[in-house]
Amino acid sequence: MALYEEFKDRRKEFEIVAFHDASAKSLAELAQRIAKVKQEVWGGRDLPFPVLMDATGATVEAYEIRMFPTVLLIDPEGNLVRNGSEAMLRQRLRESSPAVAALLKELAEAKEGAGKLAAEMATRRGEPALYALIAFARDHALPGDRPTLFACIGRIGGEGALAFLAEQAQSALPATRAAAATGLGETRDPRLAEWLAERLVSETDDGVKQAIQAALAKLAG
């Protein structure tokens, strides 16, 4: 429901479809179950997306679903997106907004000056800057630019920044893990200290260890 409300002016760009499991054997039974969910979960509001029957279990079998609820993200070409989720869809929609696209264009055109521009964006351009920096760091930036970009993402902060940096902190590349640790330190969010301390214990790369230690010092300060 929140996703629909946040992106109500962009409803032509995505759709959510729910499938009920094979325990509902008729449309009447499905309607009764939806009515109960509508009252108990959605506060009496109509569900903004269709709920379809899977009376034979064919959909569950086709997508190899093993637990409920399960969220699958399917791209416009009909392909399953790896590790797809509602959070990923929300982030991609935010990243593709006109405001974010304009900032992404600025970053791409800045070339060698992208780091300086990123620092300026981090100080005064809010949420569009966050998602522009995330998209640029993930898809376009040179490896040498990532420490600066990740630090700027951390300074902006928020749940989107934390989710991105935490994901990057688990990269197979030591340089990316170190840059992510730097960014997490810049958030100054003390809630991260325990998680980073656990990462420090399991980390094997000396450069990443130093970055984590520096981040922990910032979080403690």
N, C-alpha and C. Protein backbone atom coordinates (compact mmCIF):
# COMPACT_ATOMS: atom_id res chain seq x y z
N MET A 1 0.84 -1.21 0.00
CA MET A 1 0.00 0.00 0.00
C MET A 1 0.87 1.25 0.00
N ALA A 2 1.91 1.28 0.85
CA ALA A 2 2.78 2.45 0.93
C ALA A 2 3.50 2.70 -0.38
N LEU A 3 3.90 1.62 -1.06
CA LEU A 3 4.58 1.76 -2.34
C LEU A 3 3.67 2.40 -3.38
N TYR A 4 2.43 1.97 -3.42
CA TYR A 4 1.46 2.55 -4.36
C TYR A 4 1.24 4.03 -4.07
N GLU A 5 1.14 4.37 -2.79
CA GLU A 5 0.87 5.76 -2.44
C GLU A 5 2.08 6.64 -2.76
N GLU A 6 3.29 6.14 -2.49
CA GLU A 6 4.49 6.94 -2.76
C GLU A 6 4.67 7.22 -4.25
N PHE A 7 4.31 6.25 -5.09
CA PHE A 7 4.55 6.38 -6.52
C PHE A 7 3.23 6.40 -7.31
N LYS A 8 2.21 7.01 -6.73
CA LYS A 8 0.90 7.01 -7.37
C LYS A 8 0.89 7.74 -8.71
N ASP A 9 1.84 8.67 -8.90
CA ASP A 9 1.90 9.39 -10.18
C ASP A 9 2.74 8.65 -11.22
N ARG A 10 3.25 7.46 -10.86
CA ARG A 10 4.07 6.69 -11.79
C ARG A 10 3.57 5.25 -11.91
N ARG A 11 2.25 5.10 -11.74
CA ARG A 11 1.67 3.77 -11.71
C ARG A 11 1.80 3.01 -13.03
N LYS A 12 2.06 3.70 -14.12
CA LYS A 12 2.22 3.01 -15.41
C LYS A 12 3.57 2.31 -15.51
N GLU A 13 4.46 2.55 -14.54
CA GLU A 13 5.81 2.00 -14.63
C GLU A 13 5.99 0.68 -13.89
N PHE A 14 5.00 0.28 -13.08
CA PHE A 14 5.14 -0.98 -12.35
C PHE A 14 3.76 -1.52 -11.99
N GLU A 15 3.72 -2.80 -11.65
CA GLU A 15 2.48 -3.41 -11.19
C GLU A 15 2.80 -4.44 -10.12
N ILE A 16 1.92 -4.55 -9.15
CA ILE A 16 2.03 -5.58 -8.12
C ILE A 16 0.86 -6.54 -8.30
N VAL A 17 1.16 -7.82 -8.34
CA VAL A 17 0.13 -8.87 -8.46
C VAL A 17 0.35 -9.87 -7.34
N ALA A 18 -0.70 -10.18 -6.59
CA ALA A 18 -0.61 -11.16 -5.51
C ALA A 18 -1.29 -12.45 -5.95
N PHE A 19 -0.71 -13.57 -5.56
CA PHE A 19 -1.32 -14.88 -5.81
C PHE A 19 -1.64 -15.53 -4.47
N HIS A 20 -2.89 -15.98 -4.33
CA HIS A 20 -3.25 -16.73 -3.13
C HIS A 20 -2.92 -18.20 -3.37
N ASP A 21 -2.48 -18.90 -2.33
CA ASP A 21 -2.09 -20.30 -2.49
C ASP A 21 -3.30 -21.20 -2.79
N ALA A 22 -3.00 -22.46 -3.01
CA ALA A 22 -4.03 -23.39 -3.46
C ALA A 22 -5.08 -23.73 -2.41
N SER A 23 -4.95 -23.19 -1.19
CA SER A 23 -5.95 -23.49 -0.16
C SER A 23 -7.30 -22.83 -0.45
N ALA A 24 -7.30 -21.79 -1.29
CA ALA A 24 -8.57 -21.17 -1.72
C ALA A 24 -9.01 -21.86 -3.01
N LYS A 25 -10.17 -22.54 -2.97
CA LYS A 25 -10.59 -23.35 -4.11
C LYS A 25 -11.64 -22.69 -5.00
N SER A 26 -12.14 -21.53 -4.58
CA SER A 26 -13.16 -20.85 -5.39
C SER A 26 -13.02 -19.35 -5.23
N LEU A 27 -13.59 -18.61 -6.17
CA LEU A 27 -13.55 -17.15 -6.09
C LEU A 27 -14.29 -16.64 -4.86
N ALA A 28 -15.35 -17.34 -4.49
CA ALA A 28 -16.11 -16.93 -3.30
C ALA A 28 -15.26 -17.08 -2.05
N GLU A 29 -14.55 -18.21 -1.95
CA GLU A 29 -13.68 -18.42 -0.79
C GLU A 29 -12.54 -17.42 -0.77
N LEU A 30 -11.99 -17.12 -1.95
CA LEU A 30 -10.92 -16.12 -2.03
C LEU A 30 -11.42 -14.76 -1.58
N ALA A 31 -12.63 -14.40 -2.00
CA ALA A 31 -13.20 -13.10 -1.63
C ALA A 31 -13.38 -12.99 -0.11
N GLN A 32 -13.79 -14.08 0.53
CA GLN A 32 -13.95 -14.08 1.98
C GLN A 32 -12.61 -13.85 2.68
N ARG A 33 -11.58 -14.50 2.19
CA ARG A 33 -10.26 -14.36 2.81
C ARG A 33 -9.69 -12.96 2.59
N ILE A 34 -9.91 -12.41 1.41
CA ILE A 34 -9.43 -11.05 1.14
C ILE A 34 -10.17 -10.05 2.03
N ALA A 35 -11.46 -10.26 2.25
CA ALA A 35 -12.24 -9.36 3.09
C ALA A 35 -11.68 -9.34 4.51
N LYS A 36 -11.26 -10.51 5.01
CA LYS A 36 -10.68 -10.58 6.35
C LYS A 36 -9.36 -9.83 6.43
N VAL A 37 -8.51 -10.04 5.42
CA VAL A 37 -7.23 -9.33 5.36
C VAL A 37 -7.45 -7.82 5.24
N LYS A 38 -8.43 -7.46 4.43
CA LYS A 38 -8.75 -6.04 4.23
C LYS A 38 -9.07 -5.36 5.56
N GLN A 39 -9.83 -6.03 6.41
CA GLN A 39 -10.20 -5.45 7.70
C GLN A 39 -9.05 -5.48 8.71
N GLU A 40 -8.35 -6.62 8.79
CA GLU A 40 -7.35 -6.81 9.84
C GLU A 40 -6.01 -6.18 9.53
N VAL A 41 -5.66 -6.10 8.23
CA VAL A 41 -4.33 -5.62 7.84
C VAL A 41 -4.38 -4.25 7.17
N TRP A 42 -5.37 -4.02 6.33
CA TRP A 42 -5.41 -2.79 5.54
C TRP A 42 -6.38 -1.75 6.08
N GLY A 43 -6.88 -1.96 7.30
CA GLY A 43 -7.73 -0.95 7.93
C GLY A 43 -9.02 -0.68 7.18
N GLY A 44 -9.55 -1.71 6.52
CA GLY A 44 -10.81 -1.55 5.79
C GLY A 44 -10.66 -0.98 4.40
N ARG A 45 -9.45 -0.60 4.02
CA ARG A 45 -9.23 -0.04 2.68
C ARG A 45 -9.17 -1.14 1.63
N ASP A 46 -9.57 -0.82 0.42
CA ASP A 46 -9.45 -1.76 -0.69
C ASP A 46 -7.98 -1.98 -1.03
N LEU A 47 -7.63 -3.22 -1.35
CA LEU A 47 -6.27 -3.50 -1.79
C LEU A 47 -6.04 -2.84 -3.14
N PRO A 48 -4.93 -2.14 -3.33
CA PRO A 48 -4.70 -1.41 -4.58
C PRO A 48 -4.16 -2.29 -5.70
N PHE A 49 -4.00 -3.59 -5.43
CA PHE A 49 -3.47 -4.50 -6.46
C PHE A 49 -4.36 -5.74 -6.53
N PRO A 50 -4.35 -6.43 -7.66
CA PRO A 50 -5.19 -7.63 -7.80
C PRO A 50 -4.64 -8.81 -7.02
N VAL A 51 -5.54 -9.64 -6.50
CA VAL A 51 -5.17 -10.89 -5.84
C VAL A 51 -5.77 -12.02 -6.68
N LEU A 52 -4.91 -12.86 -7.24
CA LEU A 52 -5.34 -13.90 -8.16
C LEU A 52 -5.31 -15.26 -7.48
N MET A 53 -6.13 -16.17 -7.98
CA MET A 53 -6.18 -17.53 -7.43
C MET A 53 -5.08 -18.39 -8.05
N ASP A 54 -4.54 -19.26 -7.22
CA ASP A 54 -3.62 -20.29 -7.71
C ASP A 54 -4.16 -21.63 -7.22
N ALA A 55 -5.39 -21.93 -7.60
CA ALA A 55 -6.12 -23.08 -7.06
C ALA A 55 -5.42 -24.40 -7.34
N THR A 56 -4.68 -24.49 -8.43
CA THR A 56 -4.00 -25.74 -8.78
C THR A 56 -2.58 -25.80 -8.24
N GLY A 57 -2.06 -24.66 -7.75
CA GLY A 57 -0.69 -24.62 -7.27
C GLY A 57 0.34 -24.50 -8.37
N ALA A 58 -0.12 -24.24 -9.60
CA ALA A 58 0.80 -24.18 -10.74
C ALA A 58 1.78 -23.02 -10.63
N THR A 59 1.30 -21.87 -10.12
CA THR A 59 2.19 -20.70 -10.01
C THR A 59 3.26 -20.94 -8.95
N VAL A 60 2.84 -21.49 -7.81
CA VAL A 60 3.80 -21.81 -6.75
C VAL A 60 4.87 -22.77 -7.27
N GLU A 61 4.43 -23.77 -8.04
CA GLU A 61 5.38 -24.75 -8.57
C GLU A 61 6.30 -24.13 -9.60
N ALA A 62 5.74 -23.30 -10.49
CA ALA A 62 6.54 -22.71 -11.57
C ALA A 62 7.64 -21.82 -11.03
N TYR A 63 7.36 -21.09 -9.96
CA TYR A 63 8.36 -20.17 -9.40
C TYR A 63 9.11 -20.78 -8.21
N GLU A 64 8.86 -22.07 -7.95
CA GLU A 64 9.58 -22.81 -6.90
C GLU A 64 9.49 -22.10 -5.55
N ILE A 65 8.29 -21.68 -5.20
CA ILE A 65 8.07 -20.97 -3.93
C ILE A 65 8.00 -21.99 -2.80
N ARG A 66 8.77 -21.72 -1.75
CA ARG A 66 8.86 -22.66 -0.63
C ARG A 66 8.29 -22.11 0.67
N MET A 67 8.00 -20.82 0.73
CA MET A 67 7.46 -20.23 1.95
C MET A 67 6.57 -19.04 1.58
N PHE A 68 5.72 -18.66 2.55
CA PHE A 68 4.79 -17.55 2.34
C PHE A 68 4.94 -16.55 3.49
N PRO A 69 4.90 -15.23 3.21
CA PRO A 69 4.85 -14.69 1.84
C PRO A 69 6.22 -14.70 1.17
N THR A 70 6.22 -14.77 -0.14
CA THR A 70 7.43 -14.67 -0.95
C THR A 70 7.24 -13.54 -1.95
N VAL A 71 8.26 -12.70 -2.09
CA VAL A 71 8.20 -11.57 -3.03
C VAL A 71 9.15 -11.87 -4.20
N LEU A 72 8.62 -11.77 -5.40
CA LEU A 72 9.42 -11.93 -6.61
C LEU A 72 9.35 -10.64 -7.41
N LEU A 73 10.49 -10.22 -7.95
CA LEU A 73 10.54 -9.02 -8.78
C LEU A 73 10.84 -9.46 -10.21
N ILE A 74 9.97 -9.06 -11.13
CA ILE A 74 10.10 -9.46 -12.53
C ILE A 74 10.30 -8.21 -13.38
N ASP A 75 11.33 -8.22 -14.24
CA ASP A 75 11.64 -7.03 -15.03
C ASP A 75 10.70 -6.92 -16.23
N PRO A 76 10.75 -5.80 -16.97
CA PRO A 76 9.83 -5.61 -18.09
C PRO A 76 9.94 -6.67 -19.19
N GLU A 77 11.07 -7.39 -19.24
CA GLU A 77 11.24 -8.45 -20.23
C GLU A 77 10.73 -9.80 -19.74
N GLY A 78 10.22 -9.83 -18.49
CA GLY A 78 9.69 -11.06 -17.95
C GLY A 78 10.69 -11.93 -17.22
N ASN A 79 11.86 -11.39 -16.94
CA ASN A 79 12.90 -12.14 -16.25
C ASN A 79 12.86 -11.88 -14.75
N LEU A 80 13.10 -12.93 -13.96
CA LEU A 80 13.21 -12.76 -12.52
C LEU A 80 14.46 -11.97 -12.19
N VAL A 81 14.34 -11.00 -11.28
CA VAL A 81 15.48 -10.19 -10.84
C VAL A 81 16.11 -10.87 -9.63
N ARG A 82 17.42 -11.08 -9.71
CA ARG A 82 18.11 -11.76 -8.61
C ARG A 82 17.97 -10.95 -7.31
N ASN A 83 17.60 -11.63 -6.24
CA ASN A 83 17.41 -11.00 -4.92
C ASN A 83 16.40 -9.86 -4.98
N GLY A 84 15.44 -9.97 -5.88
CA GLY A 84 14.45 -8.91 -6.02
C GLY A 84 13.56 -8.78 -4.79
N SER A 85 13.14 -7.57 -4.50
CA SER A 85 12.32 -7.32 -3.32
C SER A 85 11.54 -6.02 -3.52
N GLU A 86 10.60 -5.77 -2.62
CA GLU A 86 9.87 -4.50 -2.64
C GLU A 86 10.83 -3.34 -2.42
N ALA A 87 11.80 -3.54 -1.53
CA ALA A 87 12.78 -2.48 -1.25
C ALA A 87 13.59 -2.15 -2.51
N MET A 88 13.96 -3.18 -3.28
CA MET A 88 14.71 -2.94 -4.51
C MET A 88 13.86 -2.17 -5.52
N LEU A 89 12.59 -2.56 -5.66
CA LEU A 89 11.70 -1.85 -6.58
C LEU A 89 11.57 -0.39 -6.17
N ARG A 90 11.38 -0.15 -4.87
CA ARG A 90 11.25 1.22 -4.39
C ARG A 90 12.51 2.03 -4.71
N GLN A 91 13.67 1.42 -4.47
CA GLN A 91 14.92 2.15 -4.72
C GLN A 91 15.09 2.45 -6.20
N ARG A 92 14.78 1.47 -7.06
CA ARG A 92 14.94 1.70 -8.50
C ARG A 92 13.96 2.76 -9.00
N LEU A 93 12.76 2.79 -8.45
CA LEU A 93 11.81 3.83 -8.83
C LEU A 93 12.31 5.20 -8.39
N ARG A 94 12.87 5.27 -7.20
CA ARG A 94 13.41 6.54 -6.72
C ARG A 94 14.58 6.98 -7.60
N GLU A 95 15.43 6.03 -7.96
CA GLU A 95 16.61 6.36 -8.76
C GLU A 95 16.24 6.82 -10.17
N SER A 96 15.07 6.39 -10.66
CA SER A 96 14.68 6.75 -12.02
C SER A 96 13.77 7.98 -12.08
N SER A 97 13.60 8.68 -10.96
CA SER A 97 12.77 9.88 -10.96
C SER A 97 13.47 10.98 -11.76
N PRO A 98 12.72 11.93 -12.31
CA PRO A 98 13.33 13.02 -13.09
C PRO A 98 14.39 13.80 -12.32
N ALA A 99 14.15 14.05 -11.03
CA ALA A 99 15.12 14.82 -10.23
C ALA A 99 16.43 14.06 -10.10
N VAL A 100 16.34 12.75 -9.85
CA VAL A 100 17.54 11.93 -9.72
C VAL A 100 18.24 11.81 -11.06
N ALA A 101 17.48 11.64 -12.14
CA ALA A 101 18.09 11.52 -13.47
C ALA A 101 18.88 12.77 -13.82
N ALA A 102 18.38 13.93 -13.44
CA ALA A 102 19.09 15.18 -13.72
C ALA A 102 20.42 15.24 -12.97
N LEU A 103 20.41 14.80 -11.70
CA LEU A 103 21.65 14.80 -10.93
C LEU A 103 22.63 13.76 -11.45
N LEU A 104 22.11 12.62 -11.88
CA LEU A 104 22.98 11.60 -12.47
C LEU A 104 23.68 12.13 -13.71
N LYS A 105 22.95 12.88 -14.50
CA LYS A 105 23.54 13.47 -15.70
C LYS A 105 24.67 14.43 -15.33
N GLU A 106 24.45 15.22 -14.27
CA GLU A 106 25.50 16.13 -13.80
C GLU A 106 26.75 15.36 -13.39
N LEU A 107 26.57 14.26 -12.66
CA LEU A 107 27.69 13.46 -12.20
C LEU A 107 28.45 12.85 -13.37
N ALA A 108 27.71 12.35 -14.36
CA ALA A 108 28.34 11.74 -15.53
C ALA A 108 29.14 12.76 -16.32
N GLU A 109 28.62 13.96 -16.42
CA GLU A 109 29.30 15.01 -17.20
C GLU A 109 30.48 15.60 -16.44
N ALA A 110 30.48 15.45 -15.11
CA ALA A 110 31.57 16.02 -14.31
C ALA A 110 32.88 15.27 -14.49
N LYS A 111 32.82 13.99 -14.82
CA LYS A 111 34.00 13.14 -15.04
C LYS A 111 34.96 13.23 -13.86
N GLU A 112 36.15 13.81 -14.06
CA GLU A 112 37.15 13.87 -12.98
C GLU A 112 36.66 14.70 -11.79
N GLY A 113 35.69 15.57 -12.03
CA GLY A 113 35.18 16.41 -10.94
C GLY A 113 34.00 15.80 -10.21
N ALA A 114 33.71 14.51 -10.46
CA ALA A 114 32.53 13.88 -9.85
C ALA A 114 32.62 13.87 -8.33
N GLY A 115 33.83 13.67 -7.78
CA GLY A 115 33.98 13.63 -6.33
C GLY A 115 33.63 14.96 -5.69
N LYS A 116 34.11 16.04 -6.28
CA LYS A 116 33.82 17.37 -5.76
C LYS A 116 32.32 17.67 -5.86
N LEU A 117 31.72 17.30 -6.99
CA LEU A 117 30.28 17.52 -7.16
C LEU A 117 29.50 16.68 -6.16
N ALA A 118 29.94 15.45 -5.93
CA ALA A 118 29.26 14.58 -4.96
C ALA A 118 29.27 15.20 -3.57
N ALA A 119 30.40 15.78 -3.18
CA ALA A 119 30.50 16.44 -1.87
C ALA A 119 29.52 17.60 -1.77
N GLU A 120 29.38 18.36 -2.85
CA GLU A 120 28.43 19.47 -2.85
C GLU A 120 27.00 18.97 -2.78
N MET A 121 26.69 17.89 -3.52
CA MET A 121 25.34 17.32 -3.49
C MET A 121 24.98 16.84 -2.09
N ALA A 122 25.96 16.26 -1.40
CA ALA A 122 25.71 15.70 -0.08
C ALA A 122 25.32 16.75 0.94
N THR A 123 25.71 18.00 0.70
CA THR A 123 25.45 19.04 1.69
C THR A 123 24.09 19.71 1.53
N ARG A 124 23.50 19.65 0.32
CA ARG A 124 22.30 20.47 0.18
C ARG A 124 21.25 19.97 -0.80
N ARG A 125 21.37 18.74 -1.31
CA ARG A 125 20.39 18.34 -2.31
C ARG A 125 19.47 17.21 -1.88
N GLY A 126 19.56 16.78 -0.64
CA GLY A 126 18.57 15.88 -0.06
C GLY A 126 18.45 14.51 -0.69
N GLU A 127 17.24 13.94 -0.62
CA GLU A 127 17.00 12.57 -1.05
C GLU A 127 17.32 12.32 -2.52
N PRO A 128 16.97 13.23 -3.46
CA PRO A 128 17.37 12.97 -4.85
C PRO A 128 18.88 12.80 -5.00
N ALA A 129 19.66 13.57 -4.24
CA ALA A 129 21.12 13.43 -4.30
C ALA A 129 21.55 12.06 -3.80
N LEU A 130 20.91 11.59 -2.74
CA LEU A 130 21.26 10.27 -2.19
C LEU A 130 21.10 9.20 -3.25
N TYR A 131 19.95 9.17 -3.91
CA TYR A 131 19.71 8.09 -4.87
C TYR A 131 20.50 8.29 -6.16
N ALA A 132 20.82 9.52 -6.50
CA ALA A 132 21.71 9.75 -7.64
C ALA A 132 23.11 9.24 -7.33
N LEU A 133 23.60 9.51 -6.13
CA LEU A 133 24.93 9.05 -5.74
C LEU A 133 24.99 7.53 -5.64
N ILE A 134 23.94 6.92 -5.11
CA ILE A 134 23.90 5.46 -5.03
C ILE A 134 23.95 4.85 -6.43
N ALA A 135 23.11 5.35 -7.33
CA ALA A 135 23.08 4.81 -8.69
C ALA A 135 24.41 5.02 -9.41
N PHE A 136 25.00 6.20 -9.22
CA PHE A 136 26.28 6.50 -9.88
C PHE A 136 27.39 5.62 -9.31
N ALA A 137 27.43 5.48 -8.00
CA ALA A 137 28.46 4.67 -7.37
C ALA A 137 28.34 3.20 -7.77
N ARG A 138 27.13 2.73 -7.87
CA ARG A 138 26.90 1.32 -8.18
C ARG A 138 27.13 1.00 -9.66
N ASP A 139 26.70 1.88 -10.54
CA ASP A 139 26.66 1.53 -11.97
C ASP A 139 27.66 2.25 -12.86
N HIS A 140 28.21 3.39 -12.41
CA HIS A 140 29.00 4.20 -13.33
C HIS A 140 30.38 4.60 -12.82
N ALA A 141 30.56 4.66 -11.53
CA ALA A 141 31.79 5.24 -10.99
C ALA A 141 33.00 4.33 -11.19
N LEU A 142 34.15 4.95 -11.35
CA LEU A 142 35.42 4.22 -11.37
C LEU A 142 35.74 3.77 -9.95
N PRO A 143 36.45 2.64 -9.80
CA PRO A 143 36.76 2.16 -8.45
C PRO A 143 37.42 3.21 -7.56
N GLY A 144 38.28 4.05 -8.15
CA GLY A 144 38.97 5.06 -7.35
C GLY A 144 38.06 6.15 -6.82
N ASP A 145 36.87 6.30 -7.41
CA ASP A 145 35.92 7.33 -6.96
C ASP A 145 35.04 6.84 -5.82
N ARG A 146 34.99 5.53 -5.61
CA ARG A 146 34.03 4.99 -4.65
C ARG A 146 34.25 5.45 -3.21
N PRO A 147 35.48 5.55 -2.70
CA PRO A 147 35.61 6.02 -1.31
C PRO A 147 34.95 7.38 -1.08
N THR A 148 35.16 8.31 -2.01
CA THR A 148 34.54 9.63 -1.87
C THR A 148 33.03 9.55 -1.99
N LEU A 149 32.56 8.79 -2.97
CA LEU A 149 31.12 8.67 -3.18
C LEU A 149 30.43 7.98 -1.99
N PHE A 150 31.04 6.91 -1.49
CA PHE A 150 30.46 6.20 -0.36
C PHE A 150 30.43 7.09 0.88
N ALA A 151 31.47 7.89 1.06
CA ALA A 151 31.51 8.81 2.20
C ALA A 151 30.38 9.84 2.09
N CYS A 152 30.15 10.34 0.89
CA CYS A 152 29.07 11.32 0.68
C CYS A 152 27.71 10.69 0.93
N ILE A 153 27.54 9.45 0.49
CA ILE A 153 26.29 8.73 0.75
C ILE A 153 26.07 8.57 2.25
N GLY A 154 27.14 8.25 2.96
CA GLY A 154 27.04 8.12 4.41
C GLY A 154 26.66 9.42 5.09
N ARG A 155 27.21 10.54 4.59
CA ARG A 155 26.89 11.84 5.21
C ARG A 155 25.43 12.21 5.04
N ILE A 156 24.86 11.86 3.90
CA ILE A 156 23.43 12.13 3.71
C ILE A 156 22.62 11.26 4.66
N GLY A 157 23.01 9.98 4.78
CA GLY A 157 22.37 9.08 5.73
C GLY A 157 20.97 8.67 5.35
N GLY A 158 20.28 8.09 6.31
CA GLY A 158 18.93 7.58 6.08
C GLY A 158 18.96 6.08 5.78
N GLU A 159 17.78 5.47 5.77
CA GLU A 159 17.69 4.03 5.59
C GLU A 159 18.20 3.58 4.22
N GLY A 160 17.98 4.40 3.20
CA GLY A 160 18.47 4.04 1.87
C GLY A 160 19.98 3.97 1.83
N ALA A 161 20.64 4.94 2.48
CA ALA A 161 22.10 4.95 2.54
C ALA A 161 22.62 3.76 3.32
N LEU A 162 21.99 3.47 4.47
CA LEU A 162 22.44 2.36 5.30
C LEU A 162 22.31 1.03 4.56
N ALA A 163 21.19 0.84 3.87
CA ALA A 163 20.98 -0.41 3.15
C ALA A 163 22.03 -0.59 2.05
N PHE A 164 22.30 0.47 1.30
CA PHE A 164 23.29 0.38 0.23
C PHE A 164 24.69 0.10 0.77
N LEU A 165 25.09 0.83 1.79
CA LEU A 165 26.44 0.68 2.33
C LEU A 165 26.62 -0.68 3.01
N ALA A 166 25.59 -1.15 3.69
CA ALA A 166 25.67 -2.47 4.32
C ALA A 166 25.83 -3.56 3.27
N GLU A 167 25.13 -3.40 2.17
CA GLU A 167 25.26 -4.36 1.07
C GLU A 167 26.67 -4.34 0.50
N GLN A 168 27.21 -3.14 0.27
CA GLN A 168 28.55 -3.01 -0.30
C GLN A 168 29.62 -3.50 0.67
N ALA A 169 29.34 -3.42 1.96
CA ALA A 169 30.31 -3.89 2.97
C ALA A 169 30.51 -5.39 2.92
N GLN A 170 29.65 -6.09 2.18
CA GLN A 170 29.77 -7.54 2.04
C GLN A 170 30.27 -7.94 0.66
N SER A 171 30.81 -6.97 -0.08
CA SER A 171 31.34 -7.22 -1.41
C SER A 171 32.53 -8.19 -1.36
N ALA A 172 32.77 -8.87 -2.47
CA ALA A 172 33.94 -9.74 -2.57
C ALA A 172 35.22 -8.94 -2.74
N LEU A 173 35.10 -7.65 -3.09
CA LEU A 173 36.27 -6.80 -3.35
C LEU A 173 36.68 -6.05 -2.09
N PRO A 174 37.90 -6.23 -1.61
CA PRO A 174 38.34 -5.52 -0.40
C PRO A 174 38.22 -4.01 -0.51
N ALA A 175 38.54 -3.44 -1.68
CA ALA A 175 38.47 -1.99 -1.84
C ALA A 175 37.04 -1.48 -1.65
N THR A 176 36.07 -2.26 -2.13
CA THR A 176 34.67 -1.88 -1.97
C THR A 176 34.24 -2.00 -0.52
N ARG A 177 34.67 -3.04 0.16
CA ARG A 177 34.34 -3.21 1.58
C ARG A 177 34.94 -2.07 2.41
N ALA A 178 36.16 -1.67 2.08
CA ALA A 178 36.81 -0.58 2.82
C ALA A 178 36.06 0.74 2.59
N ALA A 179 35.68 0.99 1.32
CA ALA A 179 34.94 2.22 1.02
C ALA A 179 33.59 2.24 1.73
N ALA A 180 32.94 1.07 1.80
CA ALA A 180 31.65 0.99 2.49
C ALA A 180 31.81 1.25 3.98
N ALA A 181 32.88 0.73 4.57
CA ALA A 181 33.14 0.99 6.00
C ALA A 181 33.32 2.48 6.24
N THR A 182 34.05 3.14 5.33
CA THR A 182 34.24 4.59 5.45
C THR A 182 32.90 5.31 5.41
N GLY A 183 32.05 4.91 4.46
CA GLY A 183 30.73 5.52 4.35
C GLY A 183 29.88 5.30 5.58
N LEU A 184 29.93 4.09 6.14
CA LEU A 184 29.16 3.80 7.35
C LEU A 184 29.64 4.64 8.53
N GLY A 185 30.94 4.87 8.59
CA GLY A 185 31.46 5.74 9.64
C GLY A 185 30.95 7.16 9.52
N GLU A 186 30.77 7.62 8.28
CA GLU A 186 30.29 8.98 8.04
C GLU A 186 28.84 9.18 8.45
N THR A 187 28.09 8.09 8.59
CA THR A 187 26.69 8.24 9.02
C THR A 187 26.60 8.72 10.47
N ARG A 188 27.65 8.46 11.27
CA ARG A 188 27.67 8.79 12.71
C ARG A 188 26.50 8.14 13.45
N ASP A 189 26.03 7.00 12.94
CA ASP A 189 24.91 6.30 13.54
C ASP A 189 25.44 5.23 14.50
N PRO A 190 25.31 5.43 15.82
CA PRO A 190 25.89 4.48 16.78
C PRO A 190 25.29 3.09 16.72
N ARG A 191 24.12 2.95 16.10
CA ARG A 191 23.51 1.63 15.98
C ARG A 191 24.37 0.68 15.15
N LEU A 192 25.27 1.23 14.34
CA LEU A 192 26.08 0.41 13.45
C LEU A 192 27.31 -0.17 14.13
N ALA A 193 27.64 0.32 15.31
CA ALA A 193 28.90 -0.06 15.95
C ALA A 193 29.00 -1.57 16.17
N GLU A 194 27.96 -2.17 16.68
CA GLU A 194 28.01 -3.61 16.97
C GLU A 194 28.17 -4.41 15.69
N TRP A 195 27.43 -4.02 14.66
CA TRP A 195 27.51 -4.74 13.38
C TRP A 195 28.91 -4.62 12.78
N LEU A 196 29.48 -3.41 12.81
CA LEU A 196 30.83 -3.22 12.27
C LEU A 196 31.87 -3.96 13.10
N ALA A 197 31.68 -4.01 14.40
CA ALA A 197 32.61 -4.75 15.25
C ALA A 197 32.62 -6.24 14.88
N GLU A 198 31.45 -6.77 14.56
CA GLU A 198 31.37 -8.16 14.13
C GLU A 198 32.06 -8.36 12.79
N ARG A 199 31.92 -7.37 11.89
CA ARG A 199 32.61 -7.45 10.60
C ARG A 199 34.12 -7.41 10.80
N LEU A 200 34.57 -6.64 11.76
CA LEU A 200 36.00 -6.52 12.03
C LEU A 200 36.59 -7.87 12.44
N VAL A 201 35.85 -8.61 13.25
CA VAL A 201 36.34 -9.91 13.72
C VAL A 201 36.50 -10.88 12.56
N SER A 202 35.57 -10.86 11.62
CA SER A 202 35.60 -11.82 10.52
C SER A 202 36.42 -11.35 9.31
N GLU A 203 36.81 -10.07 9.29
CA GLU A 203 37.55 -9.52 8.14
C GLU A 203 38.99 -10.05 8.10
N THR A 204 39.46 -10.36 6.89
CA THR A 204 40.82 -10.90 6.72
C THR A 204 41.77 -9.91 6.06
N ASP A 205 41.23 -8.87 5.41
CA ASP A 205 42.08 -7.91 4.70
C ASP A 205 42.50 -6.78 5.64
N ASP A 206 43.80 -6.49 5.70
CA ASP A 206 44.31 -5.47 6.62
C ASP A 206 43.78 -4.08 6.29
N GLY A 207 43.68 -3.75 5.00
CA GLY A 207 43.18 -2.44 4.61
C GLY A 207 41.73 -2.23 5.02
N VAL A 208 40.93 -3.28 4.87
CA VAL A 208 39.52 -3.19 5.28
C VAL A 208 39.43 -3.08 6.80
N LYS A 209 40.26 -3.83 7.51
CA LYS A 209 40.28 -3.74 8.97
C LYS A 209 40.55 -2.32 9.43
N GLN A 210 41.51 -1.66 8.80
CA GLN A 210 41.84 -0.28 9.17
C GLN A 210 40.66 0.64 8.91
N ALA A 211 39.96 0.43 7.77
CA ALA A 211 38.80 1.26 7.46
C ALA A 211 37.69 1.05 8.47
N ILE A 212 37.48 -0.19 8.89
CA ILE A 212 36.44 -0.48 9.89
C ILE A 212 36.80 0.14 11.23
N GLN A 213 38.07 0.04 11.61
CA GLN A 213 38.52 0.63 12.89
C GLN A 213 38.31 2.15 12.87
N ALA A 214 38.63 2.79 11.73
CA ALA A 214 38.42 4.24 11.62
C ALA A 214 36.94 4.58 11.70
N ALA A 215 36.10 3.75 11.09
CA ALA A 215 34.65 3.97 11.14
C ALA A 215 34.13 3.83 12.57
N LEU A 216 34.61 2.81 13.27
CA LEU A 216 34.20 2.61 14.66
C LEU A 216 34.61 3.79 15.54
N ALA A 217 35.77 4.35 15.26
CA ALA A 217 36.22 5.53 16.03
C ALA A 217 35.28 6.70 15.79
N LYS A 218 34.85 6.90 14.55
CA LYS A 218 33.92 8.00 14.26
C LYS A 218 32.57 7.76 14.93
N LEU A 219 32.11 6.52 14.90
CA LEU A 219 30.82 6.22 15.52
C LEU A 219 30.88 6.42 17.03
N ALA A 220 32.03 6.13 17.61
CA ALA A 220 32.19 6.30 19.06
C ALA A 220 32.31 7.76 19.44
N GLY A 221 32.78 8.59 18.50
CA GLY A 221 32.97 10.00 18.80
C GLY A 221 31.71 10.79 18.71
